[in-house]
Amino acid sequence: MGEYVELPGVKTWYEAEGAGDPLLLLHGGLCTNETWGAQRADLAARYGLFLPERRGHGHTPDVEGPLSYQDMADDTIAFMESVVAGPAHLVGWSDGGIVALLVAIARPDLVRKVVAMGANFLPGPESVAAPALLDHMSADAPDMAAFRGMYEAVSPDGAEHWPVVVNKVLDMIRTQPTISTDDLACISVPTLVLVGDDDLIALEHTIALYRAIPDSQLAVVPGTSHALPMEKPEQVNRLILDFLTNDPVPRMLPVRRARGTSSDGSPA
């Protein structure tokens, strides 16, 4: 069961379960908390989970005007301040990963560790492995049926609002985010960049994200797509829990993290 909290930007639905250090699960674009079904039990066994649904998604109503990742990050910060009341781990998938990165940049005091899964830091046309896919996405496209079903089942705005939200999200994906590598270099919390080996986000872009965040870690899950948390949940959950609960192991032959070298491995 969930409940609403009144935030400055939007009345936000969230669910909570488990006990322990707080951990936010931030769902993907056009998704709901339903997509975390394969992660909740494993993570709630170790952490106190909070699952907010962002503006225009799930039980949370849409707002006037366009959607932006920055507004969603601001909503998340307000949620952490008012509901969580302290720092938390952030595990974000897809658009949720983008939001997690923006929160870590703006408010490192509220963030313990970040897992950014299938996330990008530049707009879709510059980060997606096959940008032409964006041209075929629409409210009525067959590939959108599952997303539409999740939306219509719970949205307070009604099923007829689905095309409006889809167009807003697609506009956002095509033009956002625009996070500079300088901003990514300011992320000071431990970060795991997690991706499928056949992800919607190009591996080259994911590697650039990994290289831009100081001392971040990279995990590529074999045989998976952008839906890796649903395709290989046990492996994904193990990677998340290992990163959140354990300190880094001593490195015997470091290159990227060697003392006296820059991020590209050249002498500092």
Protein backbone atom coordinates (compact mmCIF):
# COMPACT_ATOMS: atom_id res chain seq x y z
CA MET A 1 0.00 0.00 0.00
CA GLY A 2 1.07 3.56 -0.61
CA GLU A 3 0.11 7.10 0.22
CA TYR A 4 0.45 10.65 -1.03
CA VAL A 5 2.71 13.41 0.23
CA GLU A 6 2.23 17.05 -0.73
CA LEU A 7 5.46 18.35 -2.24
CA PRO A 8 5.99 21.91 -3.50
CA GLY A 9 5.85 20.77 -7.13
CA VAL A 10 3.33 17.94 -7.13
CA LYS A 11 1.24 15.68 -4.91
CA THR A 12 3.43 12.56 -5.00
CA TRP A 13 2.49 8.93 -4.46
CA TYR A 14 5.00 6.67 -2.76
CA GLU A 15 5.26 3.23 -1.23
CA ALA A 16 7.54 2.10 1.59
CA GLU A 17 8.63 -1.26 3.00
CA GLY A 18 11.50 -2.91 4.80
CA ALA A 19 13.72 -1.57 7.55
CA GLY A 20 17.28 -0.33 7.80
CA ASP A 21 19.22 2.36 5.99
CA PRO A 22 16.94 4.22 3.57
CA LEU A 23 17.08 3.38 -0.13
CA LEU A 24 15.07 5.07 -2.88
CA LEU A 25 14.04 3.10 -5.96
CA LEU A 26 13.51 5.48 -8.89
CA HIS A 27 11.57 3.88 -11.76
CA GLY A 28 12.07 4.39 -15.48
CA GLY A 29 10.23 6.66 -17.89
CA LEU A 30 6.55 5.87 -18.54
CA CYS A 31 6.81 3.18 -15.84
CA THR A 32 5.38 2.69 -12.36
CA ASN A 33 6.61 1.01 -9.19
CA GLU A 34 5.28 -2.23 -10.68
CA THR A 35 8.53 -2.57 -12.63
CA TRP A 36 10.51 -2.97 -9.39
CA GLY A 37 8.67 -6.20 -8.56
CA ALA A 38 11.77 -8.40 -8.95
CA GLN A 39 13.93 -6.16 -6.74
CA ARG A 40 11.69 -5.24 -3.82
CA ALA A 41 11.93 -8.39 -1.69
CA ASP A 42 15.72 -8.72 -1.92
CA LEU A 43 16.37 -5.05 -1.24
CA ALA A 44 13.71 -4.70 1.48
CA ALA A 45 15.42 -7.53 3.38
CA ARG A 46 18.39 -5.21 3.92
CA TYR A 47 17.08 -1.66 3.55
CA GLY A 48 14.16 0.60 4.26
CA LEU A 49 12.74 1.13 0.76
CA PHE A 50 11.00 4.25 -0.49
CA LEU A 51 9.42 4.13 -3.95
CA PRO A 52 8.12 7.52 -5.15
CA GLU A 53 6.31 7.73 -8.49
CA ARG A 54 7.30 10.85 -10.39
CA ARG A 55 5.01 13.52 -11.81
CA GLY A 56 2.85 12.16 -14.63
CA HIS A 57 3.75 8.56 -13.75
CA GLY A 58 1.72 5.91 -11.97
CA HIS A 59 -0.48 7.27 -9.18
CA THR A 60 1.17 10.72 -9.29
CA PRO A 61 -0.76 13.25 -11.39
CA ASP A 62 0.63 15.16 -14.31
CA VAL A 63 1.42 18.87 -14.00
CA GLU A 64 0.89 21.84 -16.28
CA GLY A 65 3.59 22.43 -18.85
CA PRO A 66 6.48 20.30 -20.06
CA LEU A 67 8.29 17.65 -18.05
CA SER A 68 11.96 17.97 -17.17
CA TYR A 69 14.49 15.79 -15.43
CA GLN A 70 15.56 18.76 -13.31
CA ASP A 71 12.02 19.25 -11.98
CA MET A 72 11.85 15.53 -11.19
CA ALA A 73 15.18 15.76 -9.38
CA ASP A 74 13.89 18.74 -7.40
CA ASP A 75 10.78 16.70 -6.50
CA THR A 76 13.03 13.86 -5.35
CA ILE A 77 15.09 16.20 -3.19
CA ALA A 78 11.89 17.58 -1.62
CA PHE A 79 10.71 14.01 -1.01
CA MET A 80 13.97 13.08 0.67
CA GLU A 81 13.82 16.13 2.89
CA SER A 82 10.18 15.73 3.91
CA VAL A 83 9.64 11.95 3.98
CA VAL A 84 13.03 10.28 4.28
CA ALA A 85 14.37 13.11 6.47
CA GLY A 86 17.99 12.29 5.79
CA PRO A 87 20.51 10.85 3.35
CA ALA A 88 19.71 7.68 1.40
CA HIS A 89 21.03 5.38 -1.26
CA LEU A 90 19.58 6.02 -4.73
CA VAL A 91 18.96 3.19 -7.20
CA GLY A 92 17.60 4.58 -10.46
CA TRP A 93 16.74 2.81 -13.68
CA SER A 94 16.67 4.64 -17.05
CA ASP A 95 15.03 8.05 -16.43
CA GLY A 96 15.25 7.27 -12.72
CA GLY A 97 19.01 6.90 -13.12
CA ILE A 98 19.18 10.35 -14.67
CA VAL A 99 17.24 11.76 -11.73
CA ALA A 100 19.61 10.02 -9.31
CA LEU A 101 22.64 11.58 -11.02
CA LEU A 102 21.08 15.06 -10.86
CA VAL A 103 20.29 14.66 -7.16
CA ALA A 104 23.86 13.51 -6.46
CA ILE A 105 25.21 16.57 -8.28
CA ALA A 106 22.93 19.05 -6.52
CA ARG A 107 22.71 17.54 -3.04
CA PRO A 108 25.56 15.18 -2.16
CA ASP A 109 24.64 15.68 1.50
CA LEU A 110 21.43 13.72 0.86
CA VAL A 111 23.05 10.83 -1.01
CA ARG A 112 25.05 7.87 0.30
CA LYS A 113 25.59 5.78 -2.83
CA VAL A 114 24.14 5.84 -6.35
CA VAL A 115 23.31 3.01 -8.73
CA ALA A 116 22.57 4.45 -12.19
CA MET A 117 21.19 1.68 -14.39
CA GLY A 118 20.69 2.23 -18.13
CA ALA A 119 21.13 5.97 -17.60
CA ASN A 120 22.31 8.68 -19.97
CA PHE A 121 23.65 12.20 -19.49
CA LEU A 122 22.90 13.58 -22.96
CA PRO A 123 19.61 13.63 -24.95
CA GLY A 124 18.33 10.49 -26.63
CA PRO A 125 19.56 11.31 -30.15
CA GLU A 126 23.10 11.59 -28.75
CA SER A 127 23.04 8.63 -26.36
CA VAL A 128 20.69 5.93 -27.69
CA ALA A 129 22.26 3.02 -29.56
CA ALA A 130 19.68 3.26 -32.36
CA PRO A 131 18.29 6.83 -32.39
CA ALA A 132 15.81 5.97 -35.15
CA LEU A 133 13.84 4.02 -32.54
CA LEU A 134 12.75 7.33 -31.03
CA ASP A 135 10.99 8.23 -34.28
CA HIS A 136 8.73 5.18 -34.00
CA MET A 137 7.65 5.74 -30.40
CA SER A 138 4.08 6.99 -29.96
CA ALA A 139 1.16 6.54 -27.59
CA ASP A 140 -0.46 3.94 -29.86
CA ALA A 141 2.66 2.00 -30.85
CA PRO A 142 2.39 -1.76 -30.14
CA ASP A 143 5.62 -1.67 -28.12
CA MET A 144 3.98 0.82 -25.75
CA ALA A 145 1.03 -1.44 -24.84
CA ALA A 146 2.54 -2.68 -21.57
CA PHE A 147 3.40 0.86 -20.47
CA ARG A 148 -0.08 2.03 -21.40
CA GLY A 149 -1.64 -0.76 -19.34
CA MET A 150 0.35 0.21 -16.24
CA TYR A 151 -0.61 3.85 -16.69
CA GLU A 152 -4.32 3.30 -17.27
CA ALA A 153 -4.61 1.00 -14.25
CA VAL A 154 -3.62 3.64 -11.69
CA SER A 155 -3.33 7.16 -13.14
CA PRO A 156 -5.51 9.75 -11.40
CA ASP A 157 -5.62 11.67 -14.69
CA GLY A 158 -7.55 8.93 -16.48
CA ALA A 159 -6.78 6.76 -19.48
CA GLU A 160 -7.51 9.59 -21.91
CA HIS A 161 -4.47 11.51 -20.60
CA TRP A 162 -2.03 8.82 -21.74
CA PRO A 163 -1.16 10.43 -25.12
CA VAL A 164 -0.45 13.74 -23.38
CA VAL A 165 2.04 12.16 -20.99
CA VAL A 166 3.69 10.12 -23.75
CA ASN A 167 4.27 13.22 -25.86
CA LYS A 168 5.71 15.09 -22.89
CA VAL A 169 8.07 12.25 -22.02
CA LEU A 170 9.19 11.82 -25.64
CA ASP A 171 9.86 15.55 -25.93
CA MET A 172 11.94 15.32 -22.76
CA ILE A 173 13.89 12.28 -23.98
CA ARG A 174 14.68 13.95 -27.30
CA THR A 175 16.00 17.17 -25.75
CA GLN A 176 17.22 16.20 -22.27
CA PRO A 177 19.22 15.68 -20.14
CA THR A 178 22.15 17.98 -20.81
CA ILE A 179 24.54 17.12 -18.00
CA SER A 180 28.11 18.22 -18.66
CA THR A 181 31.09 16.04 -17.90
CA ASP A 182 32.23 18.83 -15.57
CA ASP A 183 29.03 18.36 -13.56
CA LEU A 184 29.49 14.58 -13.55
CA ALA A 185 33.04 15.12 -12.28
CA CYS A 186 31.52 16.84 -9.23
CA ILE A 187 29.74 13.67 -8.10
CA SER A 188 31.49 12.81 -4.86
CA VAL A 189 29.45 9.81 -3.68
CA PRO A 190 30.26 6.19 -4.60
CA THR A 191 28.53 5.40 -7.89
CA LEU A 192 27.85 2.17 -9.76
CA VAL A 193 27.09 2.51 -13.47
CA LEU A 194 25.08 -0.57 -14.46
CA VAL A 195 23.97 -1.48 -17.98
CA GLY A 196 22.90 -4.35 -20.21
CA ASP A 197 25.31 -5.46 -22.93
CA ASP A 198 22.58 -4.83 -25.52
CA ASP A 199 21.11 -1.77 -23.82
CA LEU A 200 19.04 0.95 -25.43
CA ILE A 201 21.76 3.31 -24.24
CA ALA A 202 24.90 2.93 -26.34
CA LEU A 203 27.74 1.20 -24.52
CA GLU A 204 30.10 3.94 -25.69
CA HIS A 205 27.91 6.51 -23.96
CA THR A 206 27.75 4.41 -20.80
CA ILE A 207 31.54 4.13 -20.73
CA ALA A 208 31.80 7.92 -21.12
CA LEU A 209 29.45 8.27 -18.13
CA TYR A 210 31.56 5.85 -16.10
CA ARG A 211 34.78 7.67 -16.99
CA ALA A 212 33.33 11.08 -16.13
CA ILE A 213 32.31 10.18 -12.55
CA PRO A 214 35.33 10.03 -10.25
CA ASP A 215 36.13 6.57 -8.87
CA SER A 216 32.86 5.13 -10.16
CA GLN A 217 32.39 1.43 -10.86
CA LEU A 218 31.05 -0.20 -14.03
CA ALA A 219 29.06 -3.41 -14.44
CA VAL A 220 27.83 -4.76 -17.77
CA VAL A 221 25.27 -7.54 -17.43
CA PRO A 222 25.65 -10.07 -20.26
CA GLY A 223 22.71 -11.17 -22.34
CA THR A 224 20.43 -8.33 -21.30
CA SER A 225 18.79 -5.27 -22.81
CA HIS A 226 17.50 -2.01 -21.30
CA ALA A 227 15.13 -4.18 -19.23
CA LEU A 228 17.97 -5.87 -17.35
CA PRO A 229 16.36 -5.62 -13.86
CA MET A 230 13.49 -7.75 -15.16
CA GLU A 231 15.50 -10.01 -17.47
CA LYS A 232 18.21 -11.06 -14.98
CA PRO A 233 16.91 -9.88 -11.60
CA GLU A 234 19.00 -12.22 -9.45
CA GLN A 235 22.25 -11.08 -11.05
CA VAL A 236 21.22 -7.41 -11.00
CA ASN A 237 20.14 -7.63 -7.36
CA ARG A 238 23.45 -9.25 -6.37
CA LEU A 239 25.39 -6.47 -8.08
CA ILE A 240 23.32 -3.77 -6.38
CA LEU A 241 23.56 -5.34 -2.92
CA ASP A 242 27.28 -6.04 -3.23
CA PHE A 243 27.92 -2.41 -4.17
CA LEU A 244 25.68 -0.93 -1.46
CA THR A 245 26.77 -3.16 1.40
CA ASN A 246 30.49 -3.67 0.80
CA ASP A 247 33.54 -1.43 0.66
CA PRO A 248 35.72 -1.59 -2.46
CA VAL A 249 38.27 -4.38 -2.42
CA PRO A 250 42.00 -3.54 -2.54
CA ARG A 251 43.12 -3.32 -6.17
CA MET A 252 46.27 -5.21 -7.12
CA LEU A 253 46.85 -3.71 -10.58
CA PRO A 254 44.84 -0.50 -10.83
CA VAL A 255 45.16 1.73 -13.88
CA ARG A 256 42.24 4.13 -13.83
CA ARG A 257 42.44 4.47 -10.04
CA ALA A 258 46.21 4.39 -9.72
CA ARG A 259 47.78 7.18 -7.69
CA GLY A 260 49.37 9.90 -9.74
CA THR A 261 47.37 9.29 -12.93
CA SER A 262 44.53 11.20 -14.50
CA SER A 263 41.17 9.68 -15.42
CA ASP A 264 42.48 8.63 -18.86
CA GLY A 265 45.47 6.78 -17.35
CA SER A 266 48.11 9.35 -18.31
CA PRO A 267 50.51 10.80 -15.72
CA ALA A 268 48.86 13.51 -13.63
